[in-house]
């Protein structure tokens, strides 16, 4: 019996050694998928907007999103979506212009983008191929983007194609954490440049775009405002005037910024509650927290199939 016990332990020791050696030679885990442009988190604006000079032939819609890429080749998206065929309307952001001379108004945004608004989500996978990336979202929809690096701390996505009607889109990403943002009180009062594509009911339009904060005043720690000189942009005033000043507001909640403007001739009140231009925006933040600007959309209507819808970015690099 003693001999059988010694044989049993000898074979057990040999078996353990074989398992240990086997563990050493197991293949290493597959190499992680590279992040697009080396960056993990992107602020993205995209939509279905008719080409410049072309009428709408299908749905007109916009989407503002954050893309999160993971090293295992998966991607998730948190986003807000507005369709021109549906009444969007305005929502109060809870931010007031207190501190600006002569007015104390609540800044508004496209309904759904206000704090507490509903955020939608998607999940999928992505593949890199040189300077392009293809995303396959669940449900069979797919996007392809060109990837570039316009600054040392920032990567950029330019929309290339999709199988679900997207016509235009831009995104900017970095290694900064999702909760990194610049308070409105610290946003540099500078001129930010970029591009836009929009539609107002006749034909699409596109071209260079700018957002100039150099004349804005800081109302308080979370609001900027500016009253422009009279401009012919306000050419359809109810009082018959062919020009009027434009009131601009910029406020924020984390990376979400609320940009609103309207012609002052549209109301005799200090605060306007009608059909302003409401432009939800997401901040573009560099790897180490540098503020570069925004990607954004406009979803301004009070009646279905009316109003102005657009996709834009204003980013300095």
Protein backbone atom coordinates (compact mmCIF):
# COMPACT_ATOMS: atom_id res chain seq x y z
CA UNK A 1 0.00 0.00 0.00
CA UNK A 2 2.91 2.32 0.74
CA UNK A 3 4.29 1.77 -2.76
CA UNK A 4 0.96 2.62 -4.35
CA UNK A 5 0.86 5.86 -2.34
CA UNK A 6 4.34 6.85 -3.55
CA UNK A 7 3.35 6.13 -7.17
CA UNK A 8 0.17 8.18 -6.78
CA UNK A 9 2.01 11.26 -5.50
CA UNK A 10 4.74 10.88 -8.13
CA UNK A 11 2.17 10.90 -10.93
CA UNK A 12 0.30 13.77 -9.35
CA UNK A 13 3.49 15.84 -9.18
CA UNK A 14 4.25 15.06 -12.81
CA UNK A 15 0.74 16.06 -13.85
CA UNK A 16 0.97 19.40 -11.99
CA UNK A 17 4.33 20.10 -13.63
CA UNK A 18 2.86 19.40 -17.08
CA UNK A 19 -0.04 21.76 -16.42
CA UNK A 20 2.33 24.47 -15.20
CA UNK A 21 4.55 24.15 -18.26
CA UNK A 22 1.46 24.16 -20.47
CA UNK A 23 0.29 27.43 -18.91
CA UNK A 24 3.62 29.05 -19.75
CA UNK A 25 3.36 28.27 -23.45
CA UNK A 26 -0.30 29.30 -23.94
CA UNK A 27 -0.65 31.92 -26.70
CA UNK A 28 -0.71 35.57 -25.54
CA UNK A 29 -4.00 37.49 -25.75
CA UNK A 30 -4.77 39.06 -29.14
CA UNK A 31 -3.31 42.54 -29.64
CA UNK A 32 -5.73 45.35 -28.75
CA UNK A 33 -7.38 47.29 -31.58
CA UNK A 34 -5.88 50.75 -32.06
CA UNK A 35 -8.10 53.70 -31.17
CA UNK A 36 -8.97 55.91 -34.16
CA UNK A 37 -6.21 58.50 -34.39
CA UNK A 38 -4.94 57.15 -31.08
CA UNK A 39 -7.86 58.79 -29.24
CA UNK A 40 -10.64 57.11 -27.32
CA UNK A 41 -13.43 59.69 -26.80
CA UNK A 42 -14.90 61.83 -29.61
CA UNK A 43 -17.47 64.63 -29.72
CA UNK A 44 -19.38 64.09 -32.97
CA UNK A 45 -22.04 65.97 -34.96
CA UNK A 46 -23.68 64.36 -37.98
CA UNK A 47 -26.90 64.39 -39.92
CA UNK A 48 -28.93 63.98 -43.09
CA UNK A 49 -28.74 67.41 -44.71
CA UNK A 50 -29.34 68.06 -48.44
CA UNK A 51 -26.28 69.03 -50.47
CA UNK A 52 -25.71 72.72 -51.10
CA UNK A 53 -28.23 73.92 -53.69
CA UNK A 54 -30.20 70.65 -53.65
CA UNK A 55 -33.73 70.10 -52.34
CA UNK A 56 -34.53 67.54 -49.66
CA UNK A 57 -35.35 64.11 -51.09
CA UNK A 58 -35.77 62.30 -47.78
CA UNK A 59 -35.73 62.84 -44.04
CA UNK A 60 -33.79 65.78 -42.64
CA UNK A 61 -32.33 65.05 -39.22
CA UNK A 62 -29.34 65.81 -36.98
CA UNK A 63 -27.54 63.96 -34.21
CA UNK A 64 -25.07 65.12 -31.57
CA UNK A 65 -23.07 62.37 -29.93
CA UNK A 66 -20.15 61.15 -27.88
CA UNK A 67 -18.34 58.09 -29.28
CA UNK A 68 -16.42 55.88 -26.83
CA UNK A 69 -13.90 53.48 -28.40
CA UNK A 70 -12.51 50.46 -26.54
CA UNK A 71 -9.33 48.49 -27.14
CA UNK A 72 -11.22 45.26 -27.82
CA UNK A 73 -12.72 46.70 -31.02
CA UNK A 74 -16.07 47.74 -29.58
CA UNK A 75 -17.61 51.21 -29.55
CA UNK A 76 -20.57 52.81 -27.81
CA UNK A 77 -22.40 56.03 -28.56
CA UNK A 78 -24.47 58.35 -26.36
CA UNK A 79 -26.47 60.78 -28.46
CA UNK A 80 -29.31 63.23 -28.93
CA UNK A 81 -31.41 63.06 -32.10
CA UNK A 82 -33.79 65.52 -33.76
CA UNK A 83 -35.86 65.00 -36.93
CA UNK A 84 -37.28 67.98 -38.84
CA UNK A 85 -40.52 66.05 -39.46
CA UNK A 86 -41.19 66.16 -35.72
CA UNK A 87 -41.86 69.24 -33.60
CA UNK A 88 -38.74 69.90 -31.53
CA UNK A 89 -39.57 73.08 -29.63
CA UNK A 90 -37.53 74.80 -26.95
CA UNK A 91 -36.63 73.74 -23.43
CA UNK A 92 -35.31 75.81 -20.56
CA UNK A 93 -31.79 74.95 -19.46
CA UNK A 94 -32.13 76.31 -15.92
CA UNK A 95 -29.29 78.76 -16.64
CA UNK A 96 -30.19 82.43 -16.36
CA UNK A 97 -28.44 85.50 -17.70
CA UNK A 98 -28.32 87.09 -14.24
CA UNK A 99 -25.58 89.70 -14.15
CA UNK A 100 -25.98 90.93 -17.73
CA UNK A 101 -27.08 94.55 -17.80
CA UNK A 102 -30.77 95.02 -18.48
CA UNK A 103 -31.97 91.43 -18.65
CA UNK A 104 -32.36 88.27 -16.61
CA UNK A 105 -33.62 85.53 -18.93
CA UNK A 106 -33.45 81.74 -19.04
CA UNK A 107 -31.25 80.36 -21.81
CA UNK A 108 -33.07 77.79 -23.94
CA UNK A 109 -32.01 74.85 -26.07
CA UNK A 110 -33.52 72.22 -28.37
CA UNK A 111 -35.93 70.11 -26.33
CA UNK A 112 -34.19 67.02 -25.00
CA UNK A 113 -30.73 68.56 -24.69
CA UNK A 114 -31.47 70.34 -21.41
CA UNK A 115 -30.11 68.88 -18.15
CA UNK A 116 -32.17 65.79 -17.43
CA UNK A 117 -33.10 65.29 -21.09
CA UNK A 118 -33.25 61.78 -22.51
CA UNK A 119 -29.98 60.46 -23.97
CA UNK A 120 -30.11 57.59 -26.46
CA UNK A 121 -27.38 54.99 -27.00
CA UNK A 122 -25.94 52.59 -29.57
CA UNK A 123 -23.26 49.90 -29.44
CA UNK A 124 -21.18 48.28 -32.13
CA UNK A 125 -17.72 47.39 -33.38
CA UNK A 126 -15.06 49.26 -35.33
CA UNK A 127 -12.19 48.44 -37.64
CA UNK A 128 -9.23 50.57 -38.70
CA UNK A 129 -7.84 50.63 -42.22
CA UNK A 130 -5.03 53.13 -42.70
CA UNK A 131 -6.50 56.60 -42.29
CA UNK A 132 -10.12 55.47 -42.15
CA UNK A 133 -12.40 53.77 -39.66
CA UNK A 134 -15.60 51.81 -40.21
CA UNK A 135 -18.19 51.47 -37.46
CA UNK A 136 -20.85 48.76 -37.58
CA UNK A 137 -23.62 49.66 -35.16
CA UNK A 138 -26.10 47.11 -33.89
CA UNK A 139 -29.13 46.94 -36.15
CA UNK A 140 -27.10 46.78 -39.34
CA UNK A 141 -26.23 50.47 -39.77
CA UNK A 142 -22.69 51.41 -40.73
CA UNK A 143 -20.51 54.53 -41.00
CA UNK A 144 -17.07 55.19 -42.48
CA UNK A 145 -14.94 58.15 -41.40
CA UNK A 146 -11.58 59.58 -42.47
CA UNK A 147 -9.17 60.05 -39.56
CA UNK A 148 -6.59 62.84 -39.27
CA UNK A 149 -4.66 64.68 -36.57
CA UNK A 150 -5.03 68.47 -36.88
CA UNK A 151 -3.20 69.16 -33.60
CA UNK A 152 -0.76 67.35 -31.33
CA UNK A 153 -3.46 66.84 -28.70
CA UNK A 154 -6.44 66.18 -30.95
CA UNK A 155 -7.69 63.80 -33.66
CA UNK A 156 -10.41 64.49 -36.21
CA UNK A 157 -13.11 62.48 -37.97
CA UNK A 158 -14.60 63.54 -41.31
CA UNK A 159 -17.67 61.70 -42.53
CA UNK A 160 -17.16 59.59 -45.68
CA UNK A 161 -20.19 57.31 -46.14
CA UNK A 162 -23.03 55.42 -44.45
CA UNK A 163 -25.83 53.01 -45.30
CA UNK A 164 -28.57 54.92 -43.46
CA UNK A 165 -28.76 58.40 -44.98
CA UNK A 166 -26.02 60.40 -43.26
CA UNK A 167 -24.64 63.08 -45.58
CA UNK A 168 -22.37 65.18 -43.37
CA UNK A 169 -20.48 64.82 -40.10
CA UNK A 170 -17.45 65.93 -38.11
CA UNK A 171 -15.88 64.68 -34.90
CA UNK A 172 -12.93 65.58 -32.70
CA UNK A 173 -11.40 63.28 -30.10
CA UNK A 174 -8.73 63.13 -27.45
CA UNK A 175 -7.46 61.16 -24.49
CA UNK A 176 -9.15 63.49 -22.00
CA UNK A 177 -11.63 61.85 -19.67
CA UNK A 178 -15.33 62.04 -20.39
CA UNK A 179 -15.94 64.44 -17.50
CA UNK A 180 -13.24 66.91 -18.59
CA UNK A 181 -14.69 70.23 -19.72
CA UNK A 182 -14.09 73.97 -19.61
CA UNK A 183 -16.52 76.03 -17.51
CA UNK A 184 -18.23 78.75 -19.53
CA UNK A 185 -16.52 81.33 -17.34
CA UNK A 186 -13.13 80.06 -18.58
CA UNK A 187 -13.91 79.71 -22.30
CA UNK A 188 -11.51 82.04 -24.18
CA UNK A 189 -13.35 84.97 -25.76
CA UNK A 190 -11.90 84.33 -29.21
CA UNK A 191 -13.06 83.74 -32.75
CA UNK A 192 -13.63 80.06 -33.59
CA UNK A 193 -13.76 78.89 -37.20
CA UNK A 194 -15.15 75.84 -38.96
CA UNK A 195 -17.84 74.70 -41.38
CA UNK A 196 -21.57 74.06 -41.52
CA UNK A 197 -24.21 72.29 -43.61
CA UNK A 198 -27.83 73.33 -43.16
CA UNK A 199 -31.37 73.24 -44.51
CA UNK A 200 -34.28 75.64 -44.02
CA UNK A 201 -36.95 74.31 -46.32
CA UNK A 202 -35.87 75.13 -49.87
CA UNK A 203 -32.37 73.84 -50.65
CA UNK A 204 -29.33 72.84 -48.65
CA UNK A 205 -26.49 75.23 -47.91
CA UNK A 206 -22.91 74.68 -46.79
CA UNK A 207 -19.65 76.52 -46.34
CA UNK A 208 -17.27 78.14 -43.85
CA UNK A 209 -18.69 79.04 -40.46
CA UNK A 210 -17.53 81.06 -37.49
CA UNK A 211 -18.45 81.70 -33.88
CA UNK A 212 -17.01 84.98 -32.62
CA UNK A 213 -16.99 85.48 -28.85
CA UNK A 214 -14.70 88.51 -28.82
CA UNK A 215 -17.56 90.93 -28.03
CA UNK A 216 -19.38 88.67 -25.56
CA UNK A 217 -19.73 89.74 -21.92
CA UNK A 218 -19.59 87.35 -18.98
CA UNK A 219 -22.97 87.62 -17.27
CA UNK A 220 -21.98 85.18 -14.52
CA UNK A 221 -19.94 82.04 -14.06
CA UNK A 222 -22.13 80.06 -16.44
CA UNK A 223 -23.38 82.49 -19.07
CA UNK A 224 -22.04 84.75 -21.82
CA UNK A 225 -24.11 87.23 -23.81
CA UNK A 226 -23.81 89.74 -26.64
CA UNK A 227 -26.18 92.18 -28.33
CA UNK A 228 -25.03 92.74 -31.91
CA UNK A 229 -25.40 95.99 -33.87
CA UNK A 230 -28.47 96.10 -36.14
CA UNK A 231 -28.08 93.62 -38.99
CA UNK A 232 -29.98 92.90 -42.21
CA UNK A 233 -29.99 89.25 -41.16
CA UNK A 234 -33.11 90.31 -39.24
CA UNK A 235 -34.97 91.41 -42.37
CA UNK A 236 -38.45 90.05 -41.61
CA UNK A 237 -39.38 91.96 -38.47
CA UNK A 238 -43.09 92.07 -37.53
CA UNK A 239 -42.84 95.86 -37.15
CA UNK A 240 -41.70 96.23 -40.75
CA UNK A 241 -38.06 96.95 -39.94
CA UNK A 242 -35.47 95.45 -42.27
CA UNK A 243 -32.74 95.20 -39.66
CA UNK A 244 -32.40 94.66 -35.92
CA UNK A 245 -29.84 93.61 -33.32
CA UNK A 246 -29.40 89.92 -32.48
CA UNK A 247 -29.22 88.73 -28.88
CA UNK A 248 -26.78 85.85 -28.31
CA UNK A 249 -26.47 83.55 -25.29
CA UNK A 250 -23.92 80.84 -24.48
CA UNK A 251 -24.31 78.73 -21.34
CA UNK A 252 -23.28 75.26 -20.24
CA UNK A 253 -23.65 72.06 -18.27
CA UNK A 254 -20.39 70.11 -18.36
CA UNK A 255 -19.34 69.45 -21.95
CA UNK A 256 -22.83 70.36 -23.10
CA UNK A 257 -23.10 74.00 -24.14
CA UNK A 258 -26.32 75.84 -24.98
CA UNK A 259 -26.00 78.38 -27.80
CA UNK A 260 -29.09 80.48 -28.59
CA UNK A 261 -29.72 83.63 -30.61
CA UNK A 262 -32.69 85.60 -31.91
CA UNK A 263 -33.62 88.92 -33.56
CA UNK A 264 -34.71 91.41 -30.93
CA UNK A 265 -37.39 92.86 -33.22
CA UNK A 266 -39.38 89.63 -32.78
CA UNK A 267 -40.58 90.70 -29.34
CA UNK A 268 -41.11 93.81 -27.28
CA UNK A 269 -40.12 91.88 -24.15
CA UNK A 270 -36.61 91.61 -22.82
CA UNK A 271 -36.76 87.81 -22.82
CA UNK A 272 -37.87 86.02 -25.98
CA UNK A 273 -39.94 82.84 -25.82
CA UNK A 274 -40.56 82.35 -29.56
CA UNK A 275 -38.68 80.64 -32.36
CA UNK A 276 -35.05 81.37 -31.65
CA UNK A 277 -32.08 79.58 -33.21
CA UNK A 278 -31.20 76.83 -30.73
CA UNK A 279 -27.86 75.09 -31.22
CA UNK A 280 -26.86 72.23 -28.92
CA UNK A 281 -23.07 71.90 -28.79
CA UNK A 282 -20.45 69.59 -27.29
CA UNK A 283 -17.06 70.94 -26.27
CA UNK A 284 -13.90 69.74 -28.02
CA UNK A 285 -11.24 69.15 -25.36
CA UNK A 286 -7.59 68.23 -26.05
CA UNK A 287 -5.56 65.46 -24.40
CA UNK A 288 -4.48 67.61 -21.45
CA UNK A 289 -7.68 69.65 -21.10
CA UNK A 290 -7.10 72.44 -23.63
CA UNK A 291 -10.35 73.96 -24.91
CA UNK A 292 -10.51 73.98 -28.74
CA UNK A 293 -14.17 74.80 -29.50
CA UNK A 294 -17.31 72.82 -30.32
CA UNK A 295 -19.12 70.44 -32.62
CA UNK A 296 -22.82 71.15 -32.76
CA UNK A 297 -26.15 71.00 -34.50
CA UNK A 298 -29.16 73.21 -34.87
CA UNK A 299 -32.68 71.86 -34.38
CA UNK A 300 -34.98 74.87 -34.46
CA UNK A 301 -38.61 74.33 -35.27
CA UNK A 302 -42.00 74.77 -33.62
CA UNK A 303 -43.99 73.10 -36.39
CA UNK A 304 -43.20 69.84 -38.17
CA UNK A 305 -41.26 70.17 -41.45
CA UNK A 306 -40.36 73.79 -40.82
CA UNK A 307 -37.42 75.62 -39.27
CA UNK A 308 -33.67 75.38 -39.62
CA UNK A 309 -31.61 72.21 -39.14
CA UNK A 310 -27.83 72.16 -39.45
CA UNK A 311 -24.58 70.42 -38.53
CA UNK A 312 -21.45 72.44 -37.75
CA UNK A 313 -18.13 72.68 -35.98
CA UNK A 314 -16.20 75.69 -34.65
CA UNK A 315 -12.76 74.42 -33.62
CA UNK A 316 -9.41 76.20 -33.38
CA UNK A 317 -6.30 74.03 -33.78
